[in-house]
Amino acid sequence: MNNVERFNTAANEGRSASEAKFNPIDLEILWKRLISIVDEASAAFVRTCFSTLVRDGNDFAIVLTDTKGRSLAQSTMSLPGFIGCLPATVRHFLDLYPAETIRPGDVFITNDPWKGSGHVHDITTVTPLFHKGKLVGFAAVVSHLPDIGGRLRSNSSREIYEEGLQIPMMKLLDAGEPNQVLIDIISQNIRVPEQGLGDIWAQVAGCRTMGERLHGLLETVSLDDLGAEVRRRSENAMRDAIRKIPDGVYKSQVQHDGFEEPVIINCSLTVKGDEIDIDFAGTSPQLPYALNVVPIYTFAYTVYGLKALLCPDIPNNEGSFIPISTHAPVGSLLNPSYPAASGGRSAIGHLLPHAVFQALADVLPARVWAAGSPNSSLTMSGEYRSKRFAVVNFLNAGQGANSRRPGFSATSFPANLGNTPVEMMETLAPIRVLRRELRRGSGGCGLHEGGSGISFEFEIMPDASDVMTSFLMTQCKSPTKGLAGGGAGKPGQLLLNGDRIDPTMPRVLKAGDRVLMETAGGGGYGAADKAA
């Protein structure tokens, strides 16, 4: 039975063929058309954006929702965390701007971490879609801007006010008229306004492309009917997968480097019938640093872990998440109170799928995989040859092995961020890359070895002025754990001119300074002696 057949079989249990609105063939064709429309909108965004974060880093997502903000389809390359956040952001806008007040030409914008995607460095725009004068859905896109003002993105920020410009939920376009006051405020407050505003207008272009391409589909089918059918089938498939797990409470604990002391994530996963509830009670309290994870992001990466384990091949939409709920105590690391800083939230959020995997390791041993490391980044700002620059570069790490294969090397998981090309790094900042290579032997040993991290070495150009630099690295103290007897991966490290330094604090790099960033290796799977 192939994936499409499983999708249709799970959906039609207890339902006669005469009751179905769509036969399997028509539904698959319509579904593929829907995906192609969103992918074309994604391509339009990527082609028109200004920053390497989108073009090369893939740090964005674009989705189509119905008129109630329920996700219908996503672009193929979208980040998992953003996919989980965007529909909720649309619903937040609907709370502020009821559907009956929305007009063609409106575009909404925000970077509120609690209403958007978890930190101020991501801008979200939402565009209402109309067909024959009727509101039929929303196109929503989020991407990481090269700069948002304030301090450089750093785990050392102590509250949101240090992290940059906050944009409340408001209109960027009002019936097609630009909000010039907001545009001027953004331009005045970010270091590279041509890139930042260029990416924002590219978001608008991508969403408009989605609206234009959707018209042809809506001549043949009701988006409400199609969306309801796809959601129903996805929900049934997820509930069917959950029912195969024995009822019970499954627990895990994941550790992060932290600052003065390690950070703990406690996960209690309760399976009851066809529903799962995840409680993070006992997780470390919120920090006066930028590692805090707001609930919208906590939910996104928790449900992604379950989706990857239980229904990886079923269409991803709102229906897949209906049987799943998450909770974290107010004031905890995974549900902080304003004005908590959250710029480095991915370092914690990206550990949530591993908390889910570890909790279910005994009941799903053939599906889970060992821990890997969240990706690292290098943020640089300054002036070089009379031109202002601000750039974010990504470096991925080793991923965990599983029962079927070794871990992938230099790979971003659970996000799917790209390693920034060396040519772009050297073009956008005054650095010379000396080497970027796999960190051989950094993966944990085992029946299947963990993936290797990256060794990345560069130096500041001799004619450069001081360069403000921030490093976001993780697993430098706490190694990635193996699974089922597999060994731990090697921790990462950061060296400046040969001396090991703490990646937490931003630094001013001077001409000739040499930096070595080494990302962590992934955990191994299974005892090595079983390999024989």
Protein backbone atom coordinates (compact mmCIF):
# COMPACT_ATOMS: atom_id res chain seq x y z
CA MET A 1 0.00 0.00 0.00
CA ASN A 2 1.53 3.35 -1.04
CA ASN A 3 1.34 6.65 0.84
CA VAL A 4 -1.69 7.93 -1.08
CA GLU A 5 -3.59 4.69 -0.42
CA ARG A 6 -2.77 4.82 3.29
CA PHE A 7 -3.94 8.44 3.35
CA ASN A 8 -7.26 7.56 1.74
CA THR A 9 -7.81 4.32 3.67
CA ALA A 10 -7.27 5.99 7.06
CA ALA A 11 -9.62 8.78 6.11
CA ASN A 12 -12.51 6.66 4.86
CA GLU A 13 -12.82 4.25 7.79
CA GLY A 14 -16.45 4.06 8.75
CA ARG A 15 -17.54 6.15 5.79
CA SER A 16 -19.20 4.95 2.59
CA ALA A 17 -17.86 5.96 -0.82
CA SER A 18 -21.11 7.74 -1.61
CA GLU A 19 -20.55 10.13 1.28
CA ALA A 20 -17.12 11.22 0.10
CA LYS A 21 -16.90 14.62 -1.62
CA PHE A 22 -13.74 13.67 -3.52
CA ASN A 23 -12.60 10.41 -5.01
CA PRO A 24 -8.95 9.49 -4.34
CA ILE A 25 -7.67 10.39 -7.81
CA ASP A 26 -9.35 13.80 -7.94
CA LEU A 27 -8.22 14.57 -4.41
CA GLU A 28 -4.59 13.73 -5.16
CA ILE A 29 -4.60 15.90 -8.29
CA LEU A 30 -6.17 18.82 -6.44
CA TRP A 31 -3.76 18.41 -3.54
CA LYS A 32 -0.75 18.48 -5.88
CA ARG A 33 -2.14 21.60 -7.56
CA LEU A 34 -2.46 23.26 -4.17
CA ILE A 35 1.14 22.41 -3.27
CA SER A 36 2.40 23.67 -6.64
CA ILE A 37 0.62 26.99 -6.09
CA VAL A 38 2.29 27.50 -2.73
CA ASP A 39 5.65 26.36 -4.13
CA GLU A 40 5.34 28.90 -6.94
CA ALA A 41 4.67 31.62 -4.36
CA SER A 42 7.77 30.43 -2.50
CA ALA A 43 9.85 30.63 -5.68
CA ALA A 44 8.61 34.17 -6.33
CA PHE A 45 9.66 35.17 -2.80
CA VAL A 46 13.12 33.62 -3.13
CA ARG A 47 13.72 35.20 -6.56
CA THR A 48 12.79 38.70 -5.38
CA CYS A 49 14.32 38.72 -1.87
CA PHE A 50 17.52 40.60 -1.06
CA SER A 51 19.20 38.56 1.68
CA THR A 52 21.27 35.40 1.68
CA LEU A 53 19.26 34.18 4.68
CA VAL A 54 16.38 33.37 2.35
CA ARG A 55 18.20 32.50 -0.87
CA ASP A 56 20.92 30.31 0.62
CA GLY A 57 19.94 29.73 4.25
CA ASN A 58 16.32 28.73 3.54
CA ASP A 59 15.27 30.57 6.72
CA PHE A 60 11.63 31.11 5.78
CA ALA A 61 8.25 29.48 5.30
CA ILE A 62 5.10 30.24 3.36
CA VAL A 63 1.69 28.68 3.91
CA LEU A 64 -1.89 28.85 2.66
CA THR A 65 -4.68 28.90 5.26
CA ASP A 66 -8.45 29.01 5.05
CA THR A 67 -10.53 31.99 6.19
CA LYS A 68 -10.26 30.85 9.82
CA GLY A 69 -6.49 30.58 9.79
CA ARG A 70 -6.31 26.79 9.57
CA SER A 71 -3.34 25.60 7.52
CA LEU A 72 -4.07 23.91 4.19
CA ALA A 73 -0.72 23.67 2.40
CA GLN A 74 2.91 24.73 2.80
CA SER A 75 5.83 25.26 0.50
CA THR A 76 8.09 22.24 0.10
CA MET A 77 11.16 23.90 1.62
CA SER A 78 9.45 25.58 4.58
CA LEU A 79 11.02 25.39 8.05
CA PRO A 80 9.07 23.07 10.40
CA GLY A 81 8.97 25.60 13.24
CA PHE A 82 7.57 28.33 11.01
CA ILE A 83 4.93 25.99 9.60
CA GLY A 84 3.60 25.44 13.10
CA CYS A 85 3.61 29.16 13.94
CA LEU A 86 2.15 30.79 10.82
CA PRO A 87 -1.45 29.53 11.12
CA ALA A 88 -1.58 30.75 14.73
CA THR A 89 -0.31 34.16 13.60
CA VAL A 90 -3.12 34.39 11.05
CA ARG A 91 -5.63 33.65 13.82
CA HIS A 92 -4.10 36.37 15.99
CA PHE A 93 -4.59 38.85 13.17
CA LEU A 94 -8.21 37.72 12.79
CA ASP A 95 -8.75 38.48 16.48
CA LEU A 96 -7.58 42.04 15.85
CA TYR A 97 -9.01 42.46 12.35
CA PRO A 98 -12.25 40.44 11.99
CA ALA A 99 -12.82 38.92 8.56
CA GLU A 100 -15.69 41.27 7.70
CA THR A 101 -13.39 44.30 8.09
CA ILE A 102 -10.63 43.01 5.79
CA ARG A 103 -10.41 44.50 2.28
CA PRO A 104 -8.55 43.56 -0.90
CA GLY A 105 -5.08 45.11 -0.85
CA ASP A 106 -4.64 44.74 2.92
CA VAL A 107 -1.36 43.25 4.14
CA PHE A 108 -0.66 42.65 7.84
CA ILE A 109 2.76 42.59 9.50
CA THR A 110 4.33 41.82 12.88
CA ASN A 111 7.44 40.45 14.57
CA ASP A 112 5.84 40.02 18.01
CA PRO A 113 7.50 36.83 19.33
CA TRP A 114 4.36 35.68 21.17
CA LYS A 115 2.13 36.20 18.12
CA GLY A 116 4.68 35.46 15.38
CA SER A 117 7.50 32.94 15.24
CA GLY A 118 9.25 33.31 18.56
CA HIS A 119 11.75 36.15 18.18
CA VAL A 120 11.87 39.69 16.83
CA HIS A 121 14.36 38.82 14.09
CA ASP A 122 11.59 37.15 12.04
CA ILE A 123 9.09 39.27 10.14
CA THR A 124 5.69 37.79 9.34
CA THR A 125 3.32 39.20 6.73
CA VAL A 126 -0.21 37.94 6.12
CA THR A 127 -2.11 38.73 2.92
CA PRO A 128 -5.87 38.07 2.60
CA LEU A 129 -6.84 36.30 -0.63
CA PHE A 130 -10.02 37.16 -2.48
CA HIS A 131 -11.84 35.43 -5.33
CA LYS A 132 -14.68 37.21 -7.09
CA GLY A 133 -14.81 39.70 -4.24
CA LYS A 134 -15.07 37.07 -1.50
CA LEU A 135 -12.41 36.33 1.14
CA VAL A 136 -11.27 32.74 0.52
CA GLY A 137 -8.10 32.39 2.58
CA PHE A 138 -4.76 33.86 3.62
CA ALA A 139 -1.20 33.67 2.34
CA ALA A 140 1.28 33.92 5.20
CA VAL A 141 5.06 34.13 5.03
CA VAL A 142 7.78 34.55 7.63
CA SER A 143 11.51 35.04 7.16
CA HIS A 144 14.55 35.99 9.20
CA LEU A 145 15.74 39.51 8.38
CA PRO A 146 19.48 40.23 8.11
CA ASP A 147 19.05 42.78 10.91
CA ILE A 148 16.34 44.17 13.15
CA GLY A 149 18.35 46.83 15.01
CA GLY A 150 19.29 46.67 18.69
CA ARG A 151 22.20 44.48 19.71
CA LEU A 152 23.36 41.75 17.39
CA ARG A 153 21.37 38.58 17.97
CA SER A 154 23.05 37.03 20.97
CA ASN A 155 22.17 34.66 23.79
CA SER A 156 23.48 37.29 26.21
CA SER A 157 20.56 39.70 25.65
CA ARG A 158 18.64 40.00 28.91
CA GLU A 159 15.29 41.34 27.71
CA ILE A 160 13.45 41.92 24.46
CA TYR A 161 14.19 45.66 24.43
CA GLU A 162 17.85 44.89 23.72
CA GLU A 163 17.04 42.65 20.79
CA GLY A 164 15.77 45.19 18.29
CA LEU A 165 12.73 46.90 16.82
CA GLN A 166 9.36 45.50 17.88
CA ILE A 167 6.56 45.76 15.31
CA PRO A 168 3.10 45.32 16.85
CA MET A 169 0.38 43.60 14.85
CA MET A 170 -0.64 46.20 12.27
CA LYS A 171 -1.18 46.87 8.59
CA LEU A 172 1.73 47.24 6.21
CA LEU A 173 -0.74 47.99 3.41
CA ASP A 174 -4.23 49.35 3.94
CA ALA A 175 -6.37 48.61 0.87
CA GLY A 176 -3.18 48.83 -1.17
CA GLU A 177 -1.86 52.05 0.43
CA PRO A 178 1.57 51.62 2.11
CA ASN A 179 1.92 52.50 5.79
CA GLN A 180 4.69 55.01 5.17
CA VAL A 181 5.17 55.85 8.84
CA LEU A 182 5.92 52.20 9.64
CA ILE A 183 8.18 51.87 6.61
CA ASP A 184 10.18 54.93 7.71
CA ILE A 185 10.48 53.56 11.26
CA ILE A 186 11.82 50.23 9.99
CA SER A 187 14.25 51.96 7.63
CA GLN A 188 15.56 54.18 10.42
CA ASN A 189 16.09 51.37 12.92
CA ILE A 190 17.85 48.58 11.02
CA ARG A 191 21.46 48.50 9.87
CA VAL A 192 20.83 47.41 6.27
CA PRO A 193 17.42 48.87 5.36
CA GLU A 194 17.69 48.08 1.66
CA GLN A 195 18.04 44.37 2.47
CA GLY A 196 15.46 44.31 5.23
CA LEU A 197 12.77 46.21 3.36
CA GLY A 198 13.66 44.34 0.18
CA ASP A 199 12.86 41.06 1.92
CA ILE A 200 9.58 42.44 3.33
CA TRP A 201 8.38 43.56 -0.10
CA ALA A 202 9.49 40.19 -1.50
CA GLN A 203 7.19 38.55 1.03
CA VAL A 204 4.33 40.65 -0.32
CA ALA A 205 5.23 39.63 -3.89
CA GLY A 206 5.23 35.94 -2.96
CA CYS A 207 1.82 36.16 -1.29
CA ARG A 208 0.34 38.03 -4.24
CA THR A 209 1.65 35.33 -6.55
CA MET A 210 -0.17 32.75 -4.45
CA GLY A 211 -3.41 34.70 -4.77
CA GLU A 212 -3.06 35.02 -8.55
CA ARG A 213 -2.33 31.32 -9.06
CA LEU A 214 -5.17 30.28 -6.79
CA HIS A 215 -7.84 31.78 -9.06
CA GLY A 216 -7.59 28.99 -11.62
CA LEU A 217 -8.04 26.29 -8.98
CA LEU A 218 -11.02 28.07 -7.43
CA GLU A 219 -12.82 28.01 -10.76
CA THR A 220 -13.05 24.23 -10.37
CA VAL A 221 -13.33 23.55 -6.63
CA SER A 222 -14.33 25.15 -3.33
CA LEU A 223 -11.27 25.80 -1.17
CA ASP A 224 -13.41 25.30 1.94
CA ASP A 225 -14.55 21.85 0.76
CA LEU A 226 -11.08 20.81 -0.36
CA GLY A 227 -9.48 22.07 2.84
CA ALA A 228 -12.04 20.33 5.04
CA GLU A 229 -11.48 17.03 3.25
CA VAL A 230 -7.68 17.19 3.42
CA ARG A 231 -7.74 18.21 7.09
CA ARG A 232 -10.19 15.43 7.96
CA ARG A 233 -8.11 12.77 6.27
CA SER A 234 -4.88 14.00 7.87
CA GLU A 235 -6.50 14.10 11.31
CA ASN A 236 -7.85 10.55 10.91
CA ALA A 237 -4.42 9.31 9.81
CA MET A 238 -2.73 10.92 12.82
CA ARG A 239 -5.33 9.54 15.24
CA ASP A 240 -4.89 6.08 13.72
CA ALA A 241 -1.11 6.31 14.23
CA ILE A 242 -1.51 7.44 17.84
CA ARG A 243 -3.86 4.54 18.65
CA LYS A 244 -1.04 2.13 17.82
CA ILE A 245 0.99 3.44 20.77
CA PRO A 246 0.03 1.80 24.09
CA ASP A 247 -1.77 4.17 26.45
CA GLY A 248 0.52 5.49 29.15
CA VAL A 249 2.81 8.26 30.31
CA TYR A 250 6.25 8.43 28.68
CA LYS A 251 8.94 10.70 30.10
CA SER A 252 12.28 12.12 29.06
CA GLN A 253 14.79 14.76 30.09
CA VAL A 254 17.02 16.75 27.73
CA GLN A 255 19.88 19.00 28.80
CA HIS A 256 21.30 22.17 27.22
CA ASP A 257 24.59 23.91 28.05
CA GLY A 258 22.87 26.84 29.76
CA PHE A 259 24.98 29.58 31.31
CA GLU A 260 26.00 29.29 34.95
CA GLU A 261 24.32 25.88 35.12
CA PRO A 262 22.73 23.49 32.61
CA VAL A 263 19.19 24.02 31.35
CA ILE A 264 16.77 21.11 31.79
CA ILE A 265 13.76 20.23 29.62
CA ASN A 266 11.39 17.77 31.28
CA CYS A 267 8.91 16.12 28.92
CA SER A 268 5.92 14.06 30.06
CA LEU A 269 4.05 12.62 27.08
CA THR A 270 0.64 11.09 27.78
CA VAL A 271 -1.01 8.81 25.23
CA LYS A 272 -4.72 8.24 25.74
CA GLY A 273 -6.64 6.59 22.95
CA ASP A 274 -6.13 8.67 19.81
CA GLU A 275 -4.76 11.79 21.50
CA ILE A 276 -1.38 12.90 22.89
CA ASP A 277 -0.78 15.54 25.54
CA ILE A 278 2.73 16.80 26.25
CA ASP A 279 3.44 18.52 29.56
CA PHE A 280 6.75 20.30 30.17
CA ALA A 281 6.25 20.81 33.91
CA GLY A 282 9.59 20.71 35.73
CA THR A 283 11.45 22.43 32.89
CA SER A 284 13.92 25.13 33.95
CA PRO A 285 12.48 28.58 34.71
CA GLN A 286 12.75 31.37 32.15
CA LEU A 287 16.19 32.92 31.95
CA PRO A 288 17.45 36.50 31.91
CA TYR A 289 19.06 35.51 28.61
CA ALA A 290 17.82 34.99 25.06
CA LEU A 291 17.16 31.25 25.19
CA ASN A 292 13.49 31.54 26.16
CA VAL A 293 10.95 29.80 23.92
CA VAL A 294 7.44 31.25 23.61
CA PRO A 295 4.45 28.83 23.53
CA ILE A 296 3.79 29.19 19.79
CA TYR A 297 7.32 27.94 19.03
CA THR A 298 7.19 25.28 21.77
CA PHE A 299 4.08 23.83 20.15
CA ALA A 300 5.52 24.01 16.64
CA TYR A 301 8.64 21.94 17.28
CA THR A 302 6.95 19.52 19.68
CA VAL A 303 4.25 18.53 17.19
CA TYR A 304 6.85 18.39 14.43
CA GLY A 305 8.68 15.66 16.36
CA LEU A 306 5.48 13.64 16.63
CA LYS A 307 4.58 14.22 12.98
CA ALA A 308 8.03 13.03 11.89
CA LEU A 309 7.67 9.85 13.96
CA LEU A 310 4.05 8.93 13.40
CA CYS A 311 2.87 10.30 10.04
CA PRO A 312 5.86 11.49 8.01
CA ASP A 313 4.25 10.82 4.61
CA ILE A 314 0.76 12.19 5.24
CA PRO A 315 -0.02 15.74 3.96
CA ASN A 316 0.98 18.33 6.54
CA ASN A 317 -1.85 20.64 7.56
CA GLU A 318 -3.98 21.65 10.54
CA GLY A 319 -5.63 18.25 10.75
CA SER A 320 -2.37 16.55 11.72
CA PHE A 321 -2.09 18.65 14.87
CA ILE A 322 -5.67 18.52 16.20
CA PRO A 323 -5.06 15.38 18.34
CA ILE A 324 -1.98 16.92 19.99
CA SER A 325 -1.76 19.45 22.83
CA THR A 326 1.22 20.97 24.67
CA HIS A 327 1.56 22.72 28.03
CA ALA A 328 4.37 24.48 29.88
CA PRO A 329 4.14 26.40 33.17
CA VAL A 330 3.95 30.18 32.88
CA GLY A 331 7.34 31.63 33.72
CA SER A 332 9.21 28.56 32.53
CA LEU A 333 11.79 28.39 29.75
CA LEU A 334 9.09 27.11 27.36
CA ASN A 335 6.43 29.67 28.36
CA PRO A 336 8.23 32.86 29.41
CA SER A 337 6.58 36.10 30.46
CA TYR A 338 7.11 39.37 28.58
CA PRO A 339 9.63 41.05 28.23
CA ALA A 340 11.74 37.90 28.09
CA ALA A 341 14.48 37.80 25.46
CA SER A 342 14.13 34.99 22.91
CA GLY A 343 16.62 35.70 20.12
CA GLY A 344 18.41 32.35 20.59
CA ARG A 345 15.22 30.35 21.08
CA SER A 346 16.10 27.83 18.36
CA ALA A 347 18.91 26.41 20.54
CA ILE A 348 16.21 25.17 22.94
CA GLY A 349 13.31 24.74 20.53
CA HIS A 350 15.34 22.48 18.27
CA LEU A 351 15.82 20.09 21.20
CA LEU A 352 12.08 19.47 21.59
CA PRO A 353 11.81 16.78 18.88
CA HIS A 354 14.62 14.92 20.66
CA ALA A 355 12.68 15.15 23.92
CA VAL A 356 9.77 13.48 22.10
CA PHE A 357 12.03 10.85 20.50
CA GLN A 358 13.67 10.01 23.82
CA ALA A 359 10.30 9.68 25.55
CA LEU A 360 9.04 7.23 22.90
CA ALA A 361 12.32 5.38 22.36
CA ASP A 362 11.19 2.22 24.15
CA VAL A 363 7.90 1.87 22.27
CA LEU A 364 9.13 3.05 18.85
CA PRO A 365 12.78 1.87 18.83
CA ALA A 366 12.92 1.39 15.06
CA ARG A 367 11.68 4.91 14.31
CA VAL A 368 13.46 7.25 16.72
CA TRP A 369 17.00 8.48 16.27
CA ALA A 370 19.73 9.69 18.57
CA ALA A 371 20.26 13.34 19.46
CA GLY A 372 21.99 15.75 17.13
CA SER A 373 22.98 19.36 17.59
CA PRO A 374 20.97 22.44 16.57
CA ASN A 375 22.67 24.51 13.93
CA SER A 376 25.10 27.32 14.82
CA SER A 377 25.28 30.82 13.39
CA LEU A 378 27.70 33.68 13.00
CA THR A 379 26.32 37.24 12.98
CA MET A 380 28.59 40.11 11.93
CA SER A 381 28.09 43.84 11.61
CA GLY A 382 30.24 46.87 10.86
CA GLU A 383 31.50 49.03 8.04
CA TYR A 384 33.95 47.96 5.36
CA ARG A 385 35.22 50.09 2.50
CA SER A 386 32.66 52.81 3.32
CA LYS A 387 29.72 50.42 3.19
CA ARG A 388 27.59 49.22 6.11
CA PHE A 389 27.13 45.44 6.38
CA ALA A 390 25.09 43.10 8.58
CA VAL A 391 25.07 39.39 7.82
CA VAL A 392 24.00 36.10 9.41
CA ASN A 393 25.80 32.90 8.36
CA PHE A 394 24.64 29.37 9.23
CA LEU A 395 26.79 26.37 10.10
CA ASN A 396 25.11 23.04 10.64
CA ALA A 397 26.17 20.14 12.82
CA GLY A 398 26.20 16.36 13.11
CA GLN A 399 22.88 14.57 13.40
CA GLY A 400 22.01 11.47 15.34
CA ALA A 401 22.06 7.93 13.97
CA ASN A 402 19.11 5.54 14.06
CA SER A 403 18.49 1.82 13.80
CA ARG A 404 18.72 1.91 10.00
CA ARG A 405 21.60 4.21 9.14
CA PRO A 406 24.41 6.47 10.40
CA GLY A 407 23.63 10.09 11.23
CA PHE A 408 23.86 12.73 8.54
CA SER A 409 26.84 15.10 8.67
CA ALA A 410 26.72 18.91 8.47
CA THR A 411 22.93 18.82 8.44
CA SER A 412 20.32 21.03 10.02
CA PHE A 413 17.68 19.17 12.01
CA PRO A 414 14.90 19.67 13.00
CA ALA A 415 15.10 22.83 10.89
CA ASN A 416 16.24 22.48 7.29
CA LEU A 417 18.53 25.48 7.16
CA GLY A 418 21.30 25.54 4.58
CA ASN A 419 25.00 26.03 5.24
CA THR A 420 25.75 29.53 3.97
CA PRO A 421 28.02 29.30 0.89
CA VAL A 422 31.60 30.40 1.50
CA GLU A 423 31.44 32.73 -1.51
CA MET A 424 28.52 34.62 0.05
CA MET A 425 30.27 34.85 3.41
CA GLU A 426 33.31 36.46 1.83
CA THR A 427 31.21 38.75 -0.35
CA LEU A 428 29.05 40.14 2.43
CA ALA A 429 31.61 40.60 5.23
CA PRO A 430 35.35 41.37 5.44
CA ILE A 431 36.49 37.82 6.14
CA ARG A 432 38.67 35.24 4.41
CA VAL A 433 37.57 31.65 4.89
CA LEU A 434 40.58 29.43 5.54
CA ARG A 435 38.73 26.13 5.63
CA ARG A 436 35.32 24.58 6.02
CA GLU A 437 35.34 20.83 6.28
CA LEU A 438 33.71 17.92 8.03
CA ARG A 439 34.91 17.46 11.59
CA ARG A 440 35.85 13.83 11.10
CA GLY A 441 35.36 11.57 14.10
CA SER A 442 33.08 13.97 15.97
CA GLY A 443 30.06 11.67 15.70
CA GLY A 444 29.35 9.18 18.47
CA CYS A 445 30.41 5.57 18.00
CA GLY A 446 27.97 2.69 17.75
CA LEU A 447 26.34 0.17 15.48
CA HIS A 448 25.60 3.26 13.42
CA GLU A 449 27.82 6.29 14.00
CA GLY A 450 26.55 9.80 14.57
CA GLY A 451 27.06 12.41 11.88
CA SER A 452 30.07 14.71 11.83
CA GLY A 453 29.96 18.40 12.66
CA ILE A 454 31.80 21.15 10.80
CA SER A 455 35.21 22.75 11.33
CA PHE A 456 35.03 26.32 10.05
CA GLU A 457 38.01 28.65 10.25
CA PHE A 458 38.22 32.24 9.04
CA GLU A 459 40.16 35.44 9.61
CA ILE A 460 39.26 39.12 9.51
CA MET A 461 40.70 40.92 6.47
CA PRO A 462 43.82 43.01 7.22
CA ASP A 463 42.22 46.26 6.01
CA ALA A 464 38.98 45.81 8.00
CA SER A 465 37.80 48.04 10.80
CA ASP A 466 36.48 46.46 14.00
CA VAL A 467 33.77 43.88 13.32
CA MET A 468 31.04 43.32 15.91
CA THR A 469 30.49 39.58 16.02
CA SER A 470 28.07 37.26 17.77
CA PHE A 471 28.26 33.46 17.89
CA LEU A 472 25.22 31.28 18.51
CA MET A 473 26.53 27.82 19.33
CA THR A 474 25.18 24.97 21.41
CA GLN A 475 26.26 21.55 22.70
CA CYS A 476 29.62 23.01 23.67
CA LYS A 477 29.36 21.66 27.22
CA SER A 478 26.67 18.99 26.97
CA PRO A 479 27.52 16.37 24.33
CA THR A 480 24.76 14.93 22.15
CA LYS A 481 23.67 11.63 23.66
CA GLY A 482 23.65 8.32 21.86
CA LEU A 483 20.70 5.94 21.86
CA ALA A 484 20.36 2.20 22.52
CA GLY A 485 23.96 1.95 23.68
CA GLY A 486 25.44 4.34 21.12
CA GLY A 487 28.18 6.76 22.13
CA ALA A 488 27.88 10.51 22.60
CA GLY A 489 29.06 12.95 19.97
CA LYS A 490 31.94 15.37 20.56
CA PRO A 491 30.90 18.77 21.95
CA GLY A 492 31.43 21.87 19.85
CA GLN A 493 34.00 24.55 20.59
CA LEU A 494 34.92 28.12 19.68
CA LEU A 495 38.54 29.34 19.45
CA LEU A 496 39.80 32.90 18.96
CA ASN A 497 43.47 33.13 17.98
CA GLY A 498 43.97 29.62 19.39
CA ASP A 499 42.31 30.26 22.75
CA ARG A 500 39.01 28.67 23.67
CA ILE A 501 36.33 31.29 24.38
CA ASP A 502 32.72 31.38 25.54
CA PRO A 503 30.32 31.79 22.57
CA THR A 504 27.70 33.45 24.77
CA MET A 505 29.01 37.01 24.67
CA PRO A 506 29.36 39.15 21.51
CA ARG A 507 32.90 40.18 20.65
CA VAL A 508 34.69 42.85 18.65
CA LEU A 509 37.00 41.17 16.15
CA LYS A 510 39.97 43.10 14.81
CA ALA A 511 41.95 42.88 11.59
CA GLY A 512 43.93 39.63 11.46
CA ASP A 513 41.93 37.85 14.18
CA ARG A 514 41.48 34.16 13.43
CA VAL A 515 38.38 32.22 14.53
CA LEU A 516 37.72 28.48 14.57
CA MET A 517 34.12 27.30 15.03
CA GLU A 518 33.63 23.56 15.47
CA THR A 519 30.06 22.29 15.66
CA ALA A 520 29.07 19.22 17.65
CA GLY A 521 28.81 15.68 16.32
CA GLY A 522 25.64 13.60 16.55
CA GLY A 523 24.99 10.70 18.88
CA GLY A 524 25.53 7.10 17.79
CA TYR A 525 22.90 4.34 17.75
CA GLY A 526 23.37 0.86 19.15
CA ALA A 527 26.35 -0.72 20.85
CA ALA A 528 29.47 -0.86 18.68
CA ASP A 529 30.10 -4.54 19.48
CA LYS A 530 26.86 -5.46 17.70
CA ALA A 531 28.39 -4.32 14.44
CA ALA A 532 30.42 -7.50 14.33
